Amino acid sequence: MRSLTSRRYVDEAIAAYGASAYRSALMSTWIAVAADIIGKIRLLADEGEGVAVSLRDSLNNAIASDDVPALQKFETSLIKTAHEKLELIGRREAEELTRLYKDRNLCAHPAFVAGGEDLFDPSPELVRAHLTAAVDALLSHPAVTGRKAIERFGREVASDSFPRDDQRLNDHLRAGYMDHSIKALRANLIKVICKETLKPDRDLRHRWRCTRAARELQKIAPSEFEEQLRSVLDTQQNGLTDAGLLTLVTGLCYVPGTWDLLHKGTQARVEELLQTVTPLDLVETHLLFHGPLPQAPVDQMLLDRLGDVTRPGALRHVKIGLAACLGDAPDRRLVAPLISLVAKDRGGGSYEAAASVLRFIVQIASLLTGEDLEQLLAACGENDQIRHGVLAHQQLGGLRWAAPRTPRADEAWAKWFSEVEIDDPADPAQ
């Protein structure tokens, strides 16, 4: 519990329970709930929350004028206020606390009992259930409304302090939103974040931050996340334009399980769209080869486009540079299909085409293992446009010093130079 006042009332409830004074225990539990809601109203009002300010002022006026009917009305509506006006609790929590309030009335007001009946006598199990519900639904949570939490996330995702490391982002989401919030707040947060990734008018940086948040929320609360993701997709996917489909590809398709939640028609549209988007848009506009590729099967759809992406002139108008488009940590899944492109034509292509593929490979040289270099150079040796191409040799020269240096890699290079009878170029670093 976060409020010392509420904790004191709960301690009274526990003491009464221990003395078998179950009616007193139940009434103390309600007092703890009422005091907690009022305390949170005052705290939110001090923070400038408009609705809370109005509620606080109404309460203060009723207290100052000793307006008992108004105070009774205020207490009677506390649960509804916490649920509907402040969003401190969800519908289920409101129902549980309403049952507590009704049982409290039966304990406190003899007039509520029909003639000839004894005063309501709650069982120990009922008291324990009400106490547990009060703590779980309200007392253990901070004074954060659902709306304020979502507004706060919106500010954070646009700030420079937004965590860049996924584990730190996970820790932040747990501590700031998920570990001490009601189910309704968590559900709304997940929905809002998923919807943000689907807005074409949002810039790619904003949408990618929301996508990362979505992935971490899935790890934190997998069942809740799937329920809300399914809800968002079911209501929005049929109305997505081509631009909207690309926000899906560049966003939620990086979240495991998203593809399986798409309708067959949406899946077909995505497949068709990814076959027709220009290489420049794939690589630079949407940065779909930047860092990790999306989840299957979208990753394979992109790998199938590598032949178009590496075609001579396809990326001639890239403004930010190919290295920036691929990022600091390209996906290793690019390696095998690029090596296959080197070996594909075996002399049936052009010098420019061979060099263009190698240019792409140079940008991911840090991923290559000694085995990769063996396979690549073997494929180069069987491709006449590489063996005899000046442009290709220039790219291989860059690759020679950009790729990791290992004994196996050195052996592969030595074999390459001996077989094509070209001098091993001097290390530019020497």
Protein backbone atom coordinates (compact mmCIF):
# COMPACT_ATOMS: atom_id res chain seq x y z
CA MET A 1 0.00 0.00 0.00
CA ARG A 2 1.24 3.47 -0.92
CA SER A 3 -0.82 5.61 1.48
CA LEU A 4 0.12 5.56 5.15
CA THR A 5 -3.43 6.57 6.05
CA SER A 6 -4.91 3.69 4.08
CA ARG A 7 -2.35 1.34 5.61
CA ARG A 8 -3.46 2.38 9.11
CA TYR A 9 -7.09 1.60 8.30
CA VAL A 10 -6.13 -1.72 6.77
CA ASP A 11 -4.15 -2.52 9.91
CA GLU A 12 -7.31 -1.83 11.90
CA ALA A 13 -9.24 -4.17 9.60
CA ILE A 14 -6.66 -6.90 10.10
CA ALA A 15 -6.71 -6.42 13.88
CA ALA A 16 -10.50 -6.64 13.90
CA TYR A 17 -10.33 -9.76 11.74
CA GLY A 18 -7.88 -11.32 14.18
CA ALA A 19 -10.35 -10.65 17.00
CA SER A 20 -13.18 -12.25 14.94
CA ALA A 21 -14.91 -8.84 14.69
CA TYR A 22 -15.74 -9.42 11.06
CA ARG A 23 -18.27 -6.61 10.67
CA SER A 24 -15.75 -4.13 12.03
CA ALA A 25 -13.06 -5.57 9.77
CA LEU A 26 -15.26 -5.12 6.72
CA MET A 27 -16.21 -1.56 7.65
CA SER A 28 -12.54 -0.65 8.22
CA THR A 29 -11.73 -2.05 4.83
CA TRP A 30 -14.27 0.26 3.22
CA ILE A 31 -12.92 3.22 5.19
CA ALA A 32 -9.46 2.41 3.81
CA VAL A 33 -10.87 2.38 0.26
CA ALA A 34 -12.80 5.64 0.68
CA ALA A 35 -9.85 7.39 2.31
CA ASP A 36 -7.53 6.17 -0.45
CA ILE A 37 -9.76 7.49 -3.24
CA ILE A 38 -10.17 10.84 -1.50
CA GLY A 39 -6.43 11.05 -0.91
CA LYS A 40 -5.77 10.37 -4.59
CA ILE A 41 -8.33 13.00 -5.61
CA ARG A 42 -6.46 15.57 -3.52
CA LEU A 43 -3.08 14.49 -4.86
CA LEU A 44 -4.25 14.63 -8.49
CA ALA A 45 -5.85 18.01 -7.85
CA ASP A 46 -2.53 19.33 -6.53
CA GLU A 47 -0.94 18.11 -9.79
CA GLY A 48 -3.46 20.13 -11.81
CA GLU A 49 -5.79 17.33 -12.96
CA GLY A 50 -8.93 19.27 -13.94
CA VAL A 51 -11.54 16.71 -12.92
CA ALA A 52 -9.80 16.11 -9.59
CA VAL A 53 -9.67 19.85 -8.88
CA SER A 54 -13.44 20.09 -9.32
CA LEU A 55 -14.03 17.06 -7.08
CA ARG A 56 -11.70 18.38 -4.38
CA ASP A 57 -13.36 21.77 -4.37
CA SER A 58 -16.83 20.20 -4.11
CA LEU A 59 -15.69 18.07 -1.20
CA ASN A 60 -14.06 21.03 0.58
CA ASN A 61 -17.20 23.13 0.17
CA ALA A 62 -19.39 20.37 1.59
CA ILE A 63 -17.05 19.95 4.57
CA ALA A 64 -16.88 23.72 5.21
CA SER A 65 -20.67 24.09 5.14
CA ASP A 66 -21.29 20.86 7.06
CA ASP A 67 -23.51 19.71 4.20
CA VAL A 68 -24.12 16.14 5.35
CA PRO A 69 -26.36 15.14 2.40
CA ALA A 70 -23.68 16.34 -0.02
CA LEU A 71 -20.99 14.43 1.87
CA GLN A 72 -23.10 11.28 1.86
CA LYS A 73 -23.68 11.67 -1.87
CA PHE A 74 -19.96 12.18 -2.41
CA GLU A 75 -19.11 8.98 -0.55
CA THR A 76 -21.85 7.03 -2.30
CA SER A 77 -20.41 7.96 -5.69
CA LEU A 78 -16.73 7.37 -4.85
CA ILE A 79 -16.44 4.10 -6.77
CA LYS A 80 -18.17 5.51 -9.84
CA THR A 81 -15.97 8.61 -9.64
CA ALA A 82 -12.78 6.55 -9.41
CA HIS A 83 -13.86 4.44 -12.37
CA GLU A 84 -15.55 6.83 -14.79
CA LYS A 85 -14.14 10.26 -14.02
CA LEU A 86 -10.58 9.55 -12.88
CA GLU A 87 -9.94 6.14 -14.48
CA LEU A 88 -8.16 5.00 -11.33
CA ILE A 89 -9.87 1.62 -11.54
CA GLY A 90 -11.36 -0.50 -14.29
CA ARG A 91 -14.85 -1.94 -14.68
CA ARG A 92 -14.03 -5.20 -12.91
CA GLU A 93 -12.34 -3.42 -10.01
CA ALA A 94 -15.34 -1.10 -9.75
CA GLU A 95 -17.68 -4.08 -9.47
CA GLU A 96 -15.57 -5.65 -6.72
CA LEU A 97 -15.38 -2.47 -4.69
CA THR A 98 -19.12 -1.84 -5.16
CA ARG A 99 -19.80 -5.23 -3.57
CA LEU A 100 -17.57 -4.18 -0.67
CA TYR A 101 -19.56 -0.95 -0.28
CA LYS A 102 -22.89 -2.81 -0.27
CA ASP A 103 -21.67 -5.31 2.31
CA ARG A 104 -20.30 -2.47 4.40
CA ASN A 105 -23.78 -0.87 4.40
CA LEU A 106 -25.32 -4.13 5.58
CA CYS A 107 -22.83 -4.20 8.44
CA ALA A 108 -23.17 -0.55 9.42
CA HIS A 109 -26.89 0.12 9.00
CA PRO A 110 -29.43 -1.99 10.94
CA ALA A 111 -32.19 -0.38 8.91
CA PHE A 112 -30.93 -2.27 5.86
CA VAL A 113 -31.98 -5.58 7.47
CA ALA A 114 -35.52 -6.90 7.04
CA GLY A 115 -37.66 -7.31 10.16
CA GLY A 116 -36.93 -10.45 12.14
CA GLU A 117 -33.49 -10.95 10.59
CA ASP A 118 -30.19 -10.63 12.38
CA LEU A 119 -27.67 -8.00 11.41
CA PHE A 120 -25.55 -9.08 8.48
CA ASP A 121 -22.75 -11.33 9.73
CA PRO A 122 -19.95 -11.63 7.14
CA SER A 123 -17.91 -14.81 7.07
CA PRO A 124 -14.13 -14.77 7.54
CA GLU A 125 -13.74 -15.83 3.91
CA LEU A 126 -15.84 -12.90 2.69
CA VAL A 127 -13.81 -10.41 4.74
CA ARG A 128 -10.56 -11.82 3.38
CA ALA A 129 -11.90 -11.64 -0.18
CA HIS A 130 -12.96 -8.00 0.24
CA LEU A 131 -9.63 -7.05 1.81
CA THR A 132 -7.68 -8.73 -0.98
CA ALA A 133 -9.82 -7.07 -3.64
CA ALA A 134 -9.35 -3.65 -2.04
CA VAL A 135 -5.57 -3.98 -1.99
CA ASP A 136 -5.28 -5.45 -5.49
CA ALA A 137 -7.80 -3.13 -7.13
CA LEU A 138 -6.90 0.17 -5.51
CA LEU A 139 -4.72 0.43 -2.43
CA SER A 140 -1.52 -0.91 -3.98
CA HIS A 141 -1.66 1.41 -7.00
CA PRO A 142 -0.38 4.98 -7.35
CA ALA A 143 -2.53 8.01 -8.05
CA VAL A 144 -2.22 7.80 -11.83
CA THR A 145 -5.26 8.05 -14.07
CA GLY A 146 -5.40 6.06 -17.28
CA ARG A 147 -5.47 9.24 -19.30
CA LYS A 148 -2.50 10.74 -17.46
CA ALA A 149 -0.45 7.56 -17.87
CA ILE A 150 -1.04 7.52 -21.61
CA GLU A 151 -0.25 11.22 -21.88
CA ARG A 152 2.96 10.62 -19.96
CA PHE A 153 3.98 7.82 -22.33
CA GLY A 154 3.33 10.15 -25.26
CA ARG A 155 5.73 12.67 -23.80
CA GLU A 156 8.34 10.04 -23.06
CA VAL A 157 8.29 8.45 -26.52
CA ALA A 158 8.99 11.86 -28.04
CA SER A 159 11.84 12.69 -25.67
CA ASP A 160 15.58 12.14 -25.92
CA SER A 161 15.48 10.17 -22.67
CA PHE A 162 13.43 7.35 -24.20
CA PRO A 163 15.49 4.18 -23.51
CA ARG A 164 17.47 2.98 -26.52
CA ASP A 165 18.32 -0.37 -24.97
CA ASP A 166 15.48 -2.90 -25.05
CA GLN A 167 16.17 -4.24 -21.56
CA ARG A 168 16.15 -0.75 -20.09
CA LEU A 169 12.92 -0.04 -21.94
CA ASN A 170 11.46 -3.24 -20.48
CA ASP A 171 12.50 -2.20 -16.97
CA HIS A 172 11.00 1.25 -17.47
CA LEU A 173 7.68 -0.07 -18.75
CA ARG A 174 7.43 -2.49 -15.84
CA ALA A 175 8.20 0.08 -13.17
CA GLY A 176 6.35 2.99 -14.73
CA TYR A 177 3.23 1.36 -16.12
CA MET A 178 2.72 -2.37 -15.75
CA ASP A 179 3.72 -3.58 -12.28
CA HIS A 180 1.53 -1.21 -10.27
CA SER A 181 -1.44 -0.49 -12.51
CA ILE A 182 -4.91 -1.87 -12.93
CA LYS A 183 -5.78 -4.14 -15.80
CA ALA A 184 -7.82 -1.46 -17.57
CA LEU A 185 -4.88 0.95 -17.63
CA ARG A 186 -2.55 -1.76 -18.96
CA ALA A 187 -5.05 -2.68 -21.65
CA ASN A 188 -5.52 0.92 -22.75
CA LEU A 189 -1.77 1.52 -22.85
CA ILE A 190 -1.20 -1.54 -25.03
CA LYS A 191 -4.00 -0.49 -27.38
CA VAL A 192 -2.73 3.07 -27.71
CA ILE A 193 0.83 1.93 -28.44
CA CYS A 194 -0.28 -0.61 -31.05
CA LYS A 195 -2.47 2.00 -32.73
CA GLU A 196 0.40 4.50 -32.81
CA THR A 197 2.45 2.09 -34.91
CA LEU A 198 -0.32 2.07 -37.55
CA LYS A 199 -0.48 5.83 -38.16
CA PRO A 200 1.17 6.78 -41.48
CA ASP A 201 1.26 10.45 -40.47
CA ARG A 202 3.62 9.65 -37.60
CA ASP A 203 7.31 9.69 -38.49
CA LEU A 204 9.21 6.42 -38.70
CA ARG A 205 11.25 7.17 -35.57
CA HIS A 206 8.12 7.62 -33.46
CA ARG A 207 6.49 4.49 -34.84
CA TRP A 208 9.61 2.42 -34.33
CA ARG A 209 9.85 3.49 -30.68
CA CYS A 210 6.24 2.43 -30.21
CA THR A 211 7.01 -0.87 -31.92
CA ARG A 212 9.88 -1.50 -29.53
CA ALA A 213 7.58 -0.69 -26.63
CA ALA A 214 5.00 -3.13 -28.02
CA ARG A 215 7.59 -5.91 -28.19
CA GLU A 216 8.59 -5.34 -24.58
CA LEU A 217 4.98 -5.16 -23.41
CA GLN A 218 4.43 -8.53 -25.06
CA LYS A 219 7.28 -9.96 -22.96
CA ILE A 220 5.90 -8.39 -19.78
CA ALA A 221 2.25 -9.42 -20.19
CA PRO A 222 1.92 -11.87 -23.12
CA SER A 223 -1.72 -12.86 -22.68
CA GLU A 224 -2.92 -9.29 -22.08
CA PHE A 225 -0.87 -8.07 -25.01
CA GLU A 226 -2.27 -10.65 -27.43
CA GLU A 227 -5.83 -9.85 -26.38
CA GLN A 228 -5.39 -6.13 -27.04
CA LEU A 229 -3.31 -6.59 -30.20
CA ARG A 230 -6.01 -8.85 -31.61
CA SER A 231 -8.63 -6.22 -30.77
CA VAL A 232 -6.66 -3.46 -32.52
CA LEU A 233 -5.97 -5.52 -35.62
CA ASP A 234 -9.54 -6.79 -35.90
CA THR A 235 -10.91 -3.25 -35.94
CA GLN A 236 -8.28 -1.60 -38.13
CA GLN A 237 -6.69 -3.99 -40.60
CA ASN A 238 -9.50 -4.10 -43.15
CA GLY A 239 -9.41 -0.32 -43.50
CA LEU A 240 -5.66 0.01 -44.00
CA THR A 241 -4.52 1.80 -47.14
CA ASP A 242 -1.25 0.82 -48.84
CA ALA A 243 0.49 3.40 -46.64
CA GLY A 244 -1.19 1.82 -43.63
CA LEU A 245 -0.06 -1.64 -44.69
CA LEU A 246 3.51 -0.41 -44.83
CA THR A 247 3.20 0.96 -41.29
CA LEU A 248 2.06 -2.54 -40.32
CA VAL A 249 5.11 -4.06 -42.03
CA THR A 250 7.53 -1.56 -40.48
CA GLY A 251 5.87 -1.82 -37.07
CA LEU A 252 3.80 -4.65 -35.68
CA CYS A 253 5.25 -7.21 -38.10
CA TYR A 254 8.37 -6.99 -35.93
CA VAL A 255 6.27 -8.26 -33.00
CA PRO A 256 6.11 -12.08 -32.76
CA GLY A 257 2.66 -13.48 -33.50
CA THR A 258 1.28 -10.48 -35.39
CA TRP A 259 1.23 -12.22 -38.78
CA ASP A 260 -0.96 -15.05 -37.44
CA LEU A 261 -3.52 -12.51 -36.20
CA LEU A 262 -3.94 -10.95 -39.65
CA HIS A 263 -6.84 -11.93 -41.89
CA LYS A 264 -5.96 -13.93 -44.98
CA GLY A 265 -6.93 -10.95 -47.13
CA THR A 266 -4.58 -8.64 -45.24
CA GLN A 267 -1.77 -11.17 -45.55
CA ALA A 268 -2.32 -11.38 -49.30
CA ARG A 269 -2.28 -7.58 -49.64
CA VAL A 270 0.98 -7.34 -47.71
CA GLU A 271 2.60 -9.99 -49.90
CA GLU A 272 1.48 -8.23 -53.06
CA LEU A 273 2.58 -4.82 -51.80
CA LEU A 274 6.06 -5.97 -50.83
CA GLN A 275 6.55 -7.32 -54.34
CA THR A 276 5.84 -3.92 -55.90
CA VAL A 277 7.35 -1.34 -53.53
CA THR A 278 10.40 0.25 -55.14
CA PRO A 279 13.86 -0.80 -53.85
CA LEU A 280 14.56 2.79 -52.82
CA ASP A 281 11.41 2.90 -50.70
CA LEU A 282 12.23 -0.46 -49.13
CA VAL A 283 15.77 0.51 -48.23
CA GLU A 284 15.61 4.24 -47.46
CA THR A 285 12.01 5.44 -47.02
CA HIS A 286 10.91 2.56 -44.81
CA LEU A 287 14.36 1.31 -43.67
CA LEU A 288 13.19 -2.28 -43.90
CA PHE A 289 16.75 -3.59 -44.13
CA HIS A 290 17.91 -1.47 -41.19
CA GLY A 291 18.99 -3.73 -38.34
CA PRO A 292 16.91 -6.82 -37.59
CA LEU A 293 14.41 -7.94 -40.23
CA PRO A 294 10.72 -8.36 -39.33
CA GLN A 295 9.28 -11.62 -38.10
CA ALA A 296 8.54 -14.49 -40.48
CA PRO A 297 7.20 -14.69 -43.12
CA VAL A 298 7.72 -10.96 -43.84
CA ASP A 299 11.48 -11.39 -43.47
CA GLN A 300 11.53 -13.81 -46.39
CA MET A 301 9.45 -11.44 -48.50
CA LEU A 302 12.19 -8.84 -48.04
CA LEU A 303 14.98 -11.32 -48.71
CA ASP A 304 13.22 -12.24 -51.94
CA ARG A 305 13.58 -8.59 -53.02
CA LEU A 306 17.37 -8.50 -52.63
CA GLY A 307 17.81 -9.17 -56.33
CA ASP A 308 15.90 -5.96 -57.07
CA VAL A 309 17.58 -4.02 -54.27
CA THR A 310 21.09 -4.90 -55.47
CA ARG A 311 20.33 -4.27 -59.14
CA PRO A 312 22.67 -1.65 -60.70
CA GLY A 313 21.20 1.81 -60.21
CA ALA A 314 18.37 0.66 -57.93
CA LEU A 315 19.75 2.68 -55.01
CA ARG A 316 21.47 5.39 -57.01
CA HIS A 317 19.34 8.11 -55.40
CA VAL A 318 19.80 7.04 -51.78
CA LYS A 319 20.33 10.28 -49.87
CA ILE A 320 21.54 9.04 -46.49
CA GLY A 321 23.96 6.42 -47.77
CA LEU A 322 23.63 2.65 -47.90
CA ALA A 323 25.51 2.17 -44.62
CA ALA A 324 22.98 4.36 -42.79
CA CYS A 325 20.12 2.46 -44.40
CA LEU A 326 21.47 -0.86 -43.12
CA GLY A 327 22.32 0.41 -39.64
CA ASP A 328 25.08 -0.52 -37.23
CA ALA A 329 23.84 -4.08 -36.75
CA PRO A 330 22.42 -5.53 -40.00
CA ASP A 331 20.55 -8.81 -39.89
CA ARG A 332 22.68 -11.88 -40.47
CA ARG A 333 19.87 -13.38 -42.52
CA LEU A 334 21.06 -11.15 -45.37
CA VAL A 335 24.32 -13.06 -45.80
CA ALA A 336 23.21 -16.32 -47.41
CA PRO A 337 20.88 -14.86 -50.08
CA LEU A 338 23.49 -12.24 -51.04
CA ILE A 339 26.11 -14.95 -51.53
CA SER A 340 23.56 -16.83 -53.62
CA LEU A 341 23.12 -13.74 -55.81
CA VAL A 342 26.87 -13.66 -56.45
CA ALA A 343 26.75 -17.22 -57.70
CA LYS A 344 23.39 -17.00 -59.43
CA ASP A 345 24.27 -16.15 -63.02
CA ARG A 346 27.75 -17.67 -63.14
CA GLY A 347 28.75 -15.37 -65.97
CA GLY A 348 25.33 -14.61 -67.39
CA GLY A 349 25.00 -11.19 -65.79
CA SER A 350 27.01 -8.01 -66.16
CA TYR A 351 30.08 -6.46 -64.60
CA GLU A 352 27.92 -3.75 -63.02
CA ALA A 353 25.47 -6.29 -61.57
CA ALA A 354 28.24 -8.33 -59.98
CA ALA A 355 29.85 -5.24 -58.46
CA SER A 356 26.48 -3.98 -57.20
CA VAL A 357 25.86 -7.15 -55.19
CA LEU A 358 29.37 -7.01 -53.77
CA ARG A 359 28.86 -3.37 -52.83
CA PHE A 360 25.91 -4.43 -50.70
CA ILE A 361 27.96 -7.24 -49.11
CA VAL A 362 30.74 -4.80 -48.21
CA GLN A 363 28.23 -2.89 -46.08
CA ILE A 364 27.50 -6.00 -44.00
CA ALA A 365 31.11 -7.22 -43.91
CA SER A 366 31.15 -7.28 -40.11
CA LEU A 367 28.66 -10.16 -40.18
CA LEU A 368 30.80 -12.47 -42.31
CA THR A 369 32.48 -15.49 -40.78
CA GLY A 370 35.43 -17.37 -42.22
CA GLU A 371 33.01 -19.93 -43.62
CA ASP A 372 30.93 -17.16 -45.22
CA LEU A 373 34.05 -15.79 -46.93
CA GLU A 374 34.97 -19.23 -48.20
CA GLN A 375 31.55 -19.62 -49.79
CA LEU A 376 31.52 -16.06 -51.12
CA LEU A 377 34.96 -16.22 -52.70
CA ALA A 378 34.21 -19.64 -54.15
CA ALA A 379 31.11 -18.15 -55.78
CA CYS A 380 33.16 -15.16 -56.99
CA GLY A 381 35.65 -17.55 -58.55
CA GLU A 382 32.91 -19.11 -60.65
CA ASN A 383 31.49 -15.78 -61.79
CA ASP A 384 33.33 -14.40 -64.83
CA GLN A 385 31.99 -10.89 -64.26
CA ILE A 386 33.76 -10.91 -60.91
CA ARG A 387 36.93 -12.75 -61.90
CA HIS A 388 37.56 -10.34 -64.76
CA GLY A 389 35.70 -7.25 -63.57
CA VAL A 390 37.56 -4.19 -62.37
CA LEU A 391 34.49 -2.88 -60.56
CA ALA A 392 34.04 -6.17 -58.72
CA HIS A 393 37.71 -6.26 -57.74
CA GLN A 394 37.39 -2.78 -56.26
CA GLN A 395 34.55 -3.98 -54.07
CA LEU A 396 36.47 -7.09 -53.05
CA GLY A 397 39.37 -4.86 -52.10
CA GLY A 398 37.11 -3.00 -49.72
CA LEU A 399 35.69 -6.26 -48.41
CA ARG A 400 39.17 -7.64 -47.81
CA TRP A 401 39.81 -5.09 -45.07
CA ALA A 402 36.25 -4.58 -43.81
CA ALA A 403 35.53 -8.25 -43.03
CA PRO A 404 36.73 -9.85 -39.77
CA ARG A 405 40.28 -11.25 -39.91
CA THR A 406 40.41 -14.88 -38.81
CA PRO A 407 42.75 -17.74 -39.83
CA ARG A 408 39.99 -19.32 -41.90
CA ALA A 409 39.21 -15.99 -43.56
CA ASP A 410 42.88 -15.40 -44.35
CA GLU A 411 43.12 -18.85 -45.94
CA ALA A 412 40.06 -18.10 -48.08
CA TRP A 413 41.58 -14.82 -49.27
CA ALA A 414 44.95 -16.44 -49.97
CA LYS A 415 43.25 -19.08 -52.08
CA TRP A 416 41.26 -16.44 -53.95
CA PHE A 417 44.30 -14.37 -54.85
CA SER A 418 46.29 -17.40 -55.94
CA GLU A 419 43.52 -18.74 -58.16
CA VAL A 420 42.71 -15.48 -59.92
CA GLU A 421 46.42 -14.51 -60.09
CA ILE A 422 45.91 -11.06 -58.57
CA ASP A 423 48.32 -9.58 -56.06
CA ASP A 424 47.06 -9.32 -52.51
CA PRO A 425 46.58 -5.56 -52.06
CA ALA A 426 48.44 -3.89 -49.23
CA ASP A 427 46.51 -3.22 -46.05
CA PRO A 428 45.50 0.48 -46.27
CA ALA A 429 46.04 0.70 -42.54
CA GLN A 430 49.76 -0.03 -42.94
